[in-house]
Amino acid sequence: MNISDLIITEPNVIPTSSGSIMHLLKNTDAVFRGFGECYLSSIGMNDVRAWKLHNLMTCNLLVIKGLVKFVFVDNRMINTSQTVTDEIIIGPDNYKRITVPPGITFGFQGICDDNLIINIANICHNESEVSRFNIDSIKYNWN
């Protein structure tokens, strides 16, 4: 699995006179792989959570408040002198859904003071299916 397997989509946003309706995920979306759980994560400005690899879970990541930079690593390059990465910054003004299939290593960083990420996952969280790596084990400059 490598970063070319990421799927970036633009969920429907419906403006109304009192705000917007922002779709997250429908069971008719091509990226829908079932439902296990949905949760919110908050992250502060310049805080980093890295690195994580789900071996079974498909994550559908959306940022509903603030801005968050997601960084994805080509797993074929981990523990080599070269680490190939892909990054994307999303938030309400750049509303995207990032579908991360199992087997892709990623981390993320808060850009604003208050950032909220939604993960709609196809399975419930199970610590035994997650591989975690020390932040220094992958070469990436978070500054």
N, C-alpha and C. Protein backbone atom coordinates (compact mmCIF):
# COMPACT_ATOMS: atom_id res chain seq x y z
N MET A 1 0.85 -1.17 0.00
CA MET A 1 0.00 0.00 0.00
C MET A 1 0.90 1.23 0.00
N ASN A 2 0.56 2.24 -0.82
CA ASN A 2 1.34 3.46 -0.82
C ASN A 2 0.42 4.67 -0.92
N ILE A 3 1.00 5.84 -0.86
CA ILE A 3 0.19 7.05 -0.76
C ILE A 3 -0.65 7.31 -2.00
N SER A 4 -0.35 6.67 -3.11
CA SER A 4 -1.20 6.85 -4.29
C SER A 4 -2.57 6.19 -4.08
N ASP A 5 -2.73 5.39 -3.02
CA ASP A 5 -4.00 4.75 -2.71
C ASP A 5 -4.93 5.66 -1.90
N LEU A 6 -4.47 6.84 -1.50
CA LEU A 6 -5.35 7.81 -0.82
C LEU A 6 -6.43 8.26 -1.78
N ILE A 7 -7.61 8.55 -1.24
CA ILE A 7 -8.70 9.07 -2.05
C ILE A 7 -9.14 10.39 -1.43
N ILE A 8 -9.04 11.47 -2.20
CA ILE A 8 -9.47 12.80 -1.74
C ILE A 8 -10.75 13.13 -2.50
N THR A 9 -11.81 13.41 -1.76
CA THR A 9 -13.09 13.75 -2.38
C THR A 9 -13.64 15.03 -1.76
N GLU A 10 -14.58 15.64 -2.46
CA GLU A 10 -15.23 16.86 -1.97
C GLU A 10 -16.68 16.55 -1.64
N PRO A 11 -16.97 16.34 -0.36
CA PRO A 11 -18.36 16.10 0.02
C PRO A 11 -19.23 17.31 -0.32
N ASN A 12 -20.50 17.07 -0.51
CA ASN A 12 -21.43 18.13 -0.86
C ASN A 12 -21.58 19.13 0.28
N VAL A 13 -21.56 20.40 -0.05
CA VAL A 13 -21.83 21.48 0.90
C VAL A 13 -23.03 22.24 0.37
N ILE A 14 -24.06 22.35 1.22
CA ILE A 14 -25.29 23.03 0.82
C ILE A 14 -25.39 24.32 1.63
N PRO A 15 -25.21 25.48 0.98
CA PRO A 15 -25.34 26.74 1.72
C PRO A 15 -26.82 27.03 2.00
N THR A 16 -27.07 27.53 3.19
CA THR A 16 -28.42 27.98 3.54
C THR A 16 -28.30 29.40 4.09
N SER A 17 -29.43 30.05 4.30
CA SER A 17 -29.40 31.43 4.79
C SER A 17 -28.85 31.52 6.22
N SER A 18 -28.86 30.40 6.95
CA SER A 18 -28.40 30.44 8.34
C SER A 18 -27.11 29.66 8.57
N GLY A 19 -26.44 29.26 7.49
CA GLY A 19 -25.20 28.48 7.62
C GLY A 19 -25.13 27.46 6.50
N SER A 20 -24.32 26.44 6.67
CA SER A 20 -24.17 25.43 5.63
C SER A 20 -24.42 24.04 6.18
N ILE A 21 -24.89 23.17 5.33
CA ILE A 21 -24.99 21.75 5.62
C ILE A 21 -23.80 21.10 4.92
N MET A 22 -22.95 20.44 5.69
CA MET A 22 -21.73 19.84 5.14
C MET A 22 -21.84 18.33 5.28
N HIS A 23 -22.00 17.66 4.15
CA HIS A 23 -22.08 16.20 4.18
C HIS A 23 -20.75 15.63 4.65
N LEU A 24 -20.81 14.51 5.33
CA LEU A 24 -19.62 13.81 5.79
C LEU A 24 -19.39 12.55 4.95
N LEU A 25 -20.32 11.60 5.02
CA LEU A 25 -20.18 10.34 4.30
C LEU A 25 -21.55 9.69 4.21
N LYS A 26 -21.87 9.16 3.04
CA LYS A 26 -23.11 8.42 2.83
C LYS A 26 -22.78 6.98 2.48
N ASN A 27 -23.70 6.08 2.77
CA ASN A 27 -23.44 4.68 2.42
C ASN A 27 -23.48 4.46 0.91
N THR A 28 -23.88 5.48 0.15
CA THR A 28 -23.85 5.39 -1.32
C THR A 28 -22.57 5.96 -1.91
N ASP A 29 -21.69 6.56 -1.09
CA ASP A 29 -20.42 7.09 -1.57
C ASP A 29 -19.50 5.94 -1.96
N ALA A 30 -18.74 6.13 -3.02
CA ALA A 30 -17.84 5.09 -3.52
C ALA A 30 -16.80 4.68 -2.48
N VAL A 31 -16.45 5.57 -1.55
CA VAL A 31 -15.42 5.26 -0.55
C VAL A 31 -15.99 4.59 0.70
N PHE A 32 -17.30 4.43 0.78
CA PHE A 32 -17.92 3.82 1.96
C PHE A 32 -17.52 2.35 2.06
N ARG A 33 -16.93 1.95 3.20
CA ARG A 33 -16.48 0.57 3.41
C ARG A 33 -17.16 -0.08 4.61
N GLY A 34 -18.28 0.50 5.03
CA GLY A 34 -18.98 0.02 6.21
C GLY A 34 -18.82 1.01 7.35
N PHE A 35 -19.55 0.76 8.44
CA PHE A 35 -19.49 1.67 9.58
C PHE A 35 -19.13 0.91 10.83
N GLY A 36 -18.11 1.40 11.51
CA GLY A 36 -17.70 0.85 12.80
C GLY A 36 -17.90 1.86 13.91
N GLU A 37 -17.38 3.07 13.69
CA GLU A 37 -17.53 4.15 14.67
C GLU A 37 -17.19 5.48 14.03
N CYS A 38 -17.65 6.53 14.68
CA CYS A 38 -17.35 7.91 14.25
C CYS A 38 -16.91 8.65 15.51
N TYR A 39 -15.80 9.39 15.39
CA TYR A 39 -15.35 10.14 16.55
C TYR A 39 -14.69 11.44 16.13
N LEU A 40 -14.64 12.38 17.09
CA LEU A 40 -13.97 13.67 16.91
C LEU A 40 -12.63 13.64 17.63
N SER A 41 -11.64 14.24 17.02
CA SER A 41 -10.35 14.47 17.67
C SER A 41 -10.07 15.96 17.62
N SER A 42 -9.57 16.50 18.72
CA SER A 42 -9.13 17.89 18.71
C SER A 42 -7.61 17.90 18.74
N ILE A 43 -7.05 18.94 18.16
CA ILE A 43 -5.59 19.11 18.20
C ILE A 43 -5.30 20.61 18.22
N GLY A 44 -4.38 20.99 19.08
CA GLY A 44 -4.03 22.40 19.22
C GLY A 44 -3.08 22.89 18.15
N MET A 45 -2.91 24.20 18.13
CA MET A 45 -2.02 24.82 17.15
C MET A 45 -0.60 24.28 17.29
N ASN A 46 -0.02 23.87 16.18
CA ASN A 46 1.34 23.35 16.06
C ASN A 46 1.57 22.00 16.75
N ASP A 47 0.53 21.45 17.40
CA ASP A 47 0.66 20.12 17.98
C ASP A 47 0.69 19.08 16.87
N VAL A 48 1.44 18.02 17.08
CA VAL A 48 1.60 16.96 16.08
C VAL A 48 1.25 15.62 16.71
N ARG A 49 0.51 14.82 15.96
CA ARG A 49 0.29 13.42 16.31
C ARG A 49 0.81 12.58 15.14
N ALA A 50 1.89 11.89 15.38
CA ALA A 50 2.50 11.09 14.32
C ALA A 50 3.33 10.00 15.00
N TRP A 51 3.47 8.93 14.45
CA TRP A 51 2.99 8.34 13.21
C TRP A 51 2.11 7.14 13.53
N LYS A 52 1.11 6.88 12.69
CA LYS A 52 0.16 5.81 12.93
C LYS A 52 -0.12 5.09 11.62
N LEU A 53 -0.29 3.79 11.72
CA LEU A 53 -0.66 2.96 10.58
C LEU A 53 -1.76 2.01 11.04
N HIS A 54 -2.92 2.08 10.38
CA HIS A 54 -3.99 1.13 10.65
C HIS A 54 -3.82 -0.06 9.71
N ASN A 55 -3.82 -1.24 10.28
CA ASN A 55 -3.65 -2.45 9.49
C ASN A 55 -4.98 -2.98 8.94
N LEU A 56 -6.10 -2.59 9.57
CA LEU A 56 -7.42 -3.05 9.14
C LEU A 56 -8.41 -1.91 8.88
N MET A 57 -8.26 -0.82 9.59
CA MET A 57 -9.24 0.27 9.54
C MET A 57 -9.08 1.15 8.31
N THR A 58 -10.21 1.48 7.68
CA THR A 58 -10.26 2.55 6.69
C THR A 58 -10.77 3.79 7.41
N CYS A 59 -10.02 4.89 7.32
CA CYS A 59 -10.38 6.16 7.95
C CYS A 59 -10.94 7.10 6.90
N ASN A 60 -12.01 7.79 7.23
CA ASN A 60 -12.53 8.89 6.42
C ASN A 60 -12.39 10.14 7.27
N LEU A 61 -11.40 10.98 6.95
CA LEU A 61 -11.02 12.12 7.77
C LEU A 61 -11.57 13.41 7.18
N LEU A 62 -12.22 14.21 8.02
CA LEU A 62 -12.74 15.52 7.63
C LEU A 62 -12.42 16.50 8.75
N VAL A 63 -12.12 17.73 8.40
CA VAL A 63 -11.87 18.77 9.40
C VAL A 63 -13.05 19.74 9.35
N ILE A 64 -13.75 19.84 10.49
CA ILE A 64 -14.94 20.69 10.53
C ILE A 64 -14.70 22.04 11.21
N LYS A 65 -13.52 22.17 11.83
CA LYS A 65 -13.17 23.45 12.46
C LYS A 65 -11.67 23.60 12.44
N GLY A 66 -11.19 24.78 12.05
CA GLY A 66 -9.75 25.05 12.02
C GLY A 66 -9.13 24.60 10.71
N LEU A 67 -7.85 24.31 10.76
CA LEU A 67 -7.09 23.78 9.63
C LEU A 67 -6.15 22.71 10.16
N VAL A 68 -6.04 21.62 9.44
CA VAL A 68 -5.16 20.54 9.86
C VAL A 68 -4.35 20.08 8.66
N LYS A 69 -3.04 19.91 8.89
CA LYS A 69 -2.17 19.35 7.87
C LYS A 69 -2.01 17.86 8.13
N PHE A 70 -2.34 17.07 7.11
CA PHE A 70 -2.15 15.62 7.16
C PHE A 70 -0.94 15.27 6.30
N VAL A 71 -0.10 14.40 6.80
CA VAL A 71 1.10 13.96 6.08
C VAL A 71 1.04 12.44 5.98
N PHE A 72 1.23 11.95 4.76
CA PHE A 72 1.13 10.52 4.47
C PHE A 72 2.48 10.02 3.97
N VAL A 73 2.82 8.82 4.38
CA VAL A 73 4.13 8.27 4.08
C VAL A 73 3.98 7.03 3.21
N ASP A 74 4.80 6.96 2.18
CA ASP A 74 4.87 5.77 1.36
C ASP A 74 5.59 4.69 2.19
N ASN A 75 4.86 3.67 2.60
CA ASN A 75 5.41 2.67 3.51
C ASN A 75 6.60 1.92 2.95
N ARG A 76 6.75 1.93 1.64
CA ARG A 76 7.91 1.27 1.04
C ARG A 76 9.19 2.02 1.38
N MET A 77 9.08 3.28 1.84
CA MET A 77 10.26 4.11 2.08
C MET A 77 10.60 4.24 3.56
N ILE A 78 9.76 3.68 4.45
CA ILE A 78 10.05 3.76 5.89
C ILE A 78 11.34 3.00 6.17
N ASN A 79 12.14 3.56 7.06
CA ASN A 79 13.42 2.99 7.46
C ASN A 79 14.45 3.00 6.33
N THR A 80 14.27 3.89 5.35
CA THR A 80 15.28 4.09 4.33
C THR A 80 15.79 5.51 4.46
N SER A 81 16.79 5.85 3.70
CA SER A 81 17.33 7.20 3.78
C SER A 81 16.39 8.22 3.13
N GLN A 82 15.48 7.74 2.30
CA GLN A 82 14.51 8.64 1.66
C GLN A 82 13.12 8.28 2.15
N THR A 83 12.36 9.27 2.54
CA THR A 83 10.97 9.04 2.90
C THR A 83 10.11 9.91 2.00
N VAL A 84 9.29 9.28 1.20
CA VAL A 84 8.40 9.99 0.29
C VAL A 84 7.12 10.32 1.05
N THR A 85 6.71 11.57 1.02
CA THR A 85 5.51 11.98 1.72
C THR A 85 4.59 12.75 0.80
N ASP A 86 3.34 12.78 1.18
CA ASP A 86 2.33 13.59 0.52
C ASP A 86 1.62 14.33 1.64
N GLU A 87 1.28 15.56 1.41
CA GLU A 87 0.60 16.32 2.47
C GLU A 87 -0.56 17.10 1.88
N ILE A 88 -1.57 17.33 2.74
CA ILE A 88 -2.73 18.12 2.35
C ILE A 88 -3.23 18.84 3.59
N ILE A 89 -3.63 20.09 3.41
CA ILE A 89 -4.22 20.89 4.49
C ILE A 89 -5.69 21.05 4.17
N ILE A 90 -6.53 20.65 5.13
CA ILE A 90 -7.98 20.78 4.92
C ILE A 90 -8.64 21.45 6.12
N GLY A 91 -9.79 22.02 5.86
CA GLY A 91 -10.62 22.66 6.85
C GLY A 91 -11.92 23.07 6.19
N PRO A 92 -12.79 23.75 6.89
CA PRO A 92 -14.09 24.13 6.33
C PRO A 92 -13.99 24.93 5.02
N ASP A 93 -12.96 25.76 4.88
CA ASP A 93 -12.83 26.56 3.65
C ASP A 93 -12.16 25.77 2.51
N ASN A 94 -11.58 24.63 2.81
CA ASN A 94 -11.02 23.71 1.82
C ASN A 94 -11.57 22.33 2.19
N TYR A 95 -12.89 22.20 2.08
CA TYR A 95 -13.60 21.05 2.62
C TYR A 95 -13.39 19.82 1.75
N LYS A 96 -12.68 18.87 2.31
CA LYS A 96 -12.35 17.62 1.62
C LYS A 96 -12.54 16.47 2.60
N ARG A 97 -12.72 15.29 2.03
CA ARG A 97 -12.70 14.06 2.80
C ARG A 97 -11.50 13.26 2.32
N ILE A 98 -10.65 12.86 3.26
CA ILE A 98 -9.49 12.03 2.93
C ILE A 98 -9.82 10.60 3.37
N THR A 99 -9.88 9.70 2.41
CA THR A 99 -10.11 8.29 2.72
C THR A 99 -8.75 7.59 2.72
N VAL A 100 -8.41 7.08 3.90
CA VAL A 100 -7.10 6.43 4.10
C VAL A 100 -7.35 4.94 4.27
N PRO A 101 -7.02 4.15 3.26
CA PRO A 101 -7.20 2.70 3.41
C PRO A 101 -6.17 2.12 4.37
N PRO A 102 -6.39 0.91 4.86
CA PRO A 102 -5.40 0.28 5.74
C PRO A 102 -4.04 0.21 5.05
N GLY A 103 -2.99 0.34 5.86
CA GLY A 103 -1.64 0.16 5.34
C GLY A 103 -0.92 1.43 4.96
N ILE A 104 -1.51 2.60 5.25
CA ILE A 104 -0.84 3.87 4.95
C ILE A 104 -0.50 4.55 6.28
N THR A 105 0.75 4.93 6.43
CA THR A 105 1.21 5.61 7.64
C THR A 105 0.93 7.10 7.51
N PHE A 106 0.42 7.71 8.59
CA PHE A 106 0.15 9.14 8.53
C PHE A 106 0.28 9.78 9.90
N GLY A 107 0.36 11.11 9.85
CA GLY A 107 0.35 11.94 11.04
C GLY A 107 -0.35 13.23 10.69
N PHE A 108 -0.62 14.06 11.70
CA PHE A 108 -1.29 15.33 11.42
C PHE A 108 -0.87 16.39 12.43
N GLN A 109 -1.08 17.64 12.01
CA GLN A 109 -0.67 18.81 12.81
C GLN A 109 -1.76 19.86 12.77
N GLY A 110 -2.08 20.44 13.93
CA GLY A 110 -3.03 21.54 14.00
C GLY A 110 -2.39 22.83 13.50
N ILE A 111 -3.12 23.56 12.68
CA ILE A 111 -2.63 24.82 12.11
C ILE A 111 -3.22 26.02 12.85
N CYS A 112 -4.46 25.90 13.32
CA CYS A 112 -5.16 26.99 14.02
C CYS A 112 -5.18 26.71 15.52
N ASP A 113 -5.72 27.67 16.27
CA ASP A 113 -5.82 27.49 17.72
C ASP A 113 -6.72 26.32 18.10
N ASP A 114 -7.82 26.15 17.39
CA ASP A 114 -8.83 25.15 17.74
C ASP A 114 -9.17 24.36 16.48
N ASN A 115 -8.86 23.07 16.46
CA ASN A 115 -9.05 22.24 15.28
C ASN A 115 -9.81 20.98 15.66
N LEU A 116 -10.81 20.63 14.84
CA LEU A 116 -11.60 19.43 15.08
C LEU A 116 -11.61 18.55 13.84
N ILE A 117 -11.23 17.30 14.05
CA ILE A 117 -11.17 16.29 12.99
C ILE A 117 -12.25 15.25 13.27
N ILE A 118 -12.98 14.86 12.25
CA ILE A 118 -13.90 13.73 12.35
C ILE A 118 -13.28 12.56 11.62
N ASN A 119 -13.33 11.39 12.25
CA ASN A 119 -12.96 10.14 11.59
C ASN A 119 -14.19 9.25 11.57
N ILE A 120 -14.63 8.90 10.37
CA ILE A 120 -15.70 7.91 10.20
C ILE A 120 -15.00 6.64 9.74
N ALA A 121 -14.92 5.68 10.65
CA ALA A 121 -14.14 4.48 10.43
C ALA A 121 -15.05 3.29 10.12
N ASN A 122 -14.52 2.37 9.34
CA ASN A 122 -15.31 1.20 8.96
C ASN A 122 -15.35 0.12 10.05
N ILE A 123 -14.44 0.19 11.03
CA ILE A 123 -14.45 -0.73 12.17
C ILE A 123 -14.26 0.07 13.44
N CYS A 124 -14.61 -0.52 14.57
CA CYS A 124 -14.36 0.13 15.86
C CYS A 124 -12.87 0.08 16.17
N HIS A 125 -12.42 1.09 16.89
CA HIS A 125 -11.01 1.16 17.26
C HIS A 125 -10.60 -0.09 18.03
N ASN A 126 -9.46 -0.62 17.66
CA ASN A 126 -8.88 -1.78 18.33
C ASN A 126 -7.38 -1.56 18.32
N GLU A 127 -6.83 -1.33 19.48
CA GLU A 127 -5.40 -0.99 19.59
C GLU A 127 -4.49 -2.06 18.96
N SER A 128 -4.95 -3.29 18.89
CA SER A 128 -4.10 -4.35 18.35
C SER A 128 -3.94 -4.27 16.83
N GLU A 129 -4.79 -3.48 16.15
CA GLU A 129 -4.65 -3.36 14.69
C GLU A 129 -3.85 -2.12 14.28
N VAL A 130 -3.42 -1.33 15.25
CA VAL A 130 -2.70 -0.09 14.98
C VAL A 130 -1.20 -0.29 15.20
N SER A 131 -0.40 0.18 14.26
CA SER A 131 1.05 0.23 14.45
C SER A 131 1.43 1.69 14.64
N ARG A 132 2.21 1.98 15.65
CA ARG A 132 2.63 3.35 15.94
C ARG A 132 4.15 3.44 15.81
N PHE A 133 4.59 4.59 15.31
CA PHE A 133 6.01 4.83 15.12
C PHE A 133 6.39 6.12 15.84
N ASN A 134 7.57 6.16 16.42
CA ASN A 134 8.09 7.37 17.05
C ASN A 134 8.16 8.48 16.01
N ILE A 135 7.89 9.70 16.41
CA ILE A 135 7.88 10.83 15.47
C ILE A 135 9.22 10.97 14.74
N ASP A 136 10.32 10.61 15.38
CA ASP A 136 11.64 10.74 14.76
C ASP A 136 11.99 9.58 13.83
N SER A 137 11.16 8.55 13.80
CA SER A 137 11.48 7.39 12.96
C SER A 137 11.23 7.64 11.48
N ILE A 138 10.48 8.70 11.18
CA ILE A 138 10.21 9.06 9.78
C ILE A 138 10.70 10.48 9.57
N LYS A 139 11.51 10.67 8.53
CA LYS A 139 12.07 11.99 8.27
C LYS A 139 11.01 12.92 7.68
N TYR A 140 10.62 13.92 8.49
CA TYR A 140 9.69 14.93 8.01
C TYR A 140 9.85 16.15 8.90
N ASN A 141 9.91 17.32 8.29
CA ASN A 141 10.05 18.57 9.04
C ASN A 141 8.67 19.16 9.26
N TRP A 142 8.17 19.06 10.49
CA TRP A 142 6.83 19.57 10.82
C TRP A 142 6.79 21.09 10.94
N ASN A 143 7.97 21.74 10.91
CA ASN A 143 7.97 23.21 10.98
C ASN A 143 7.62 23.74 9.66
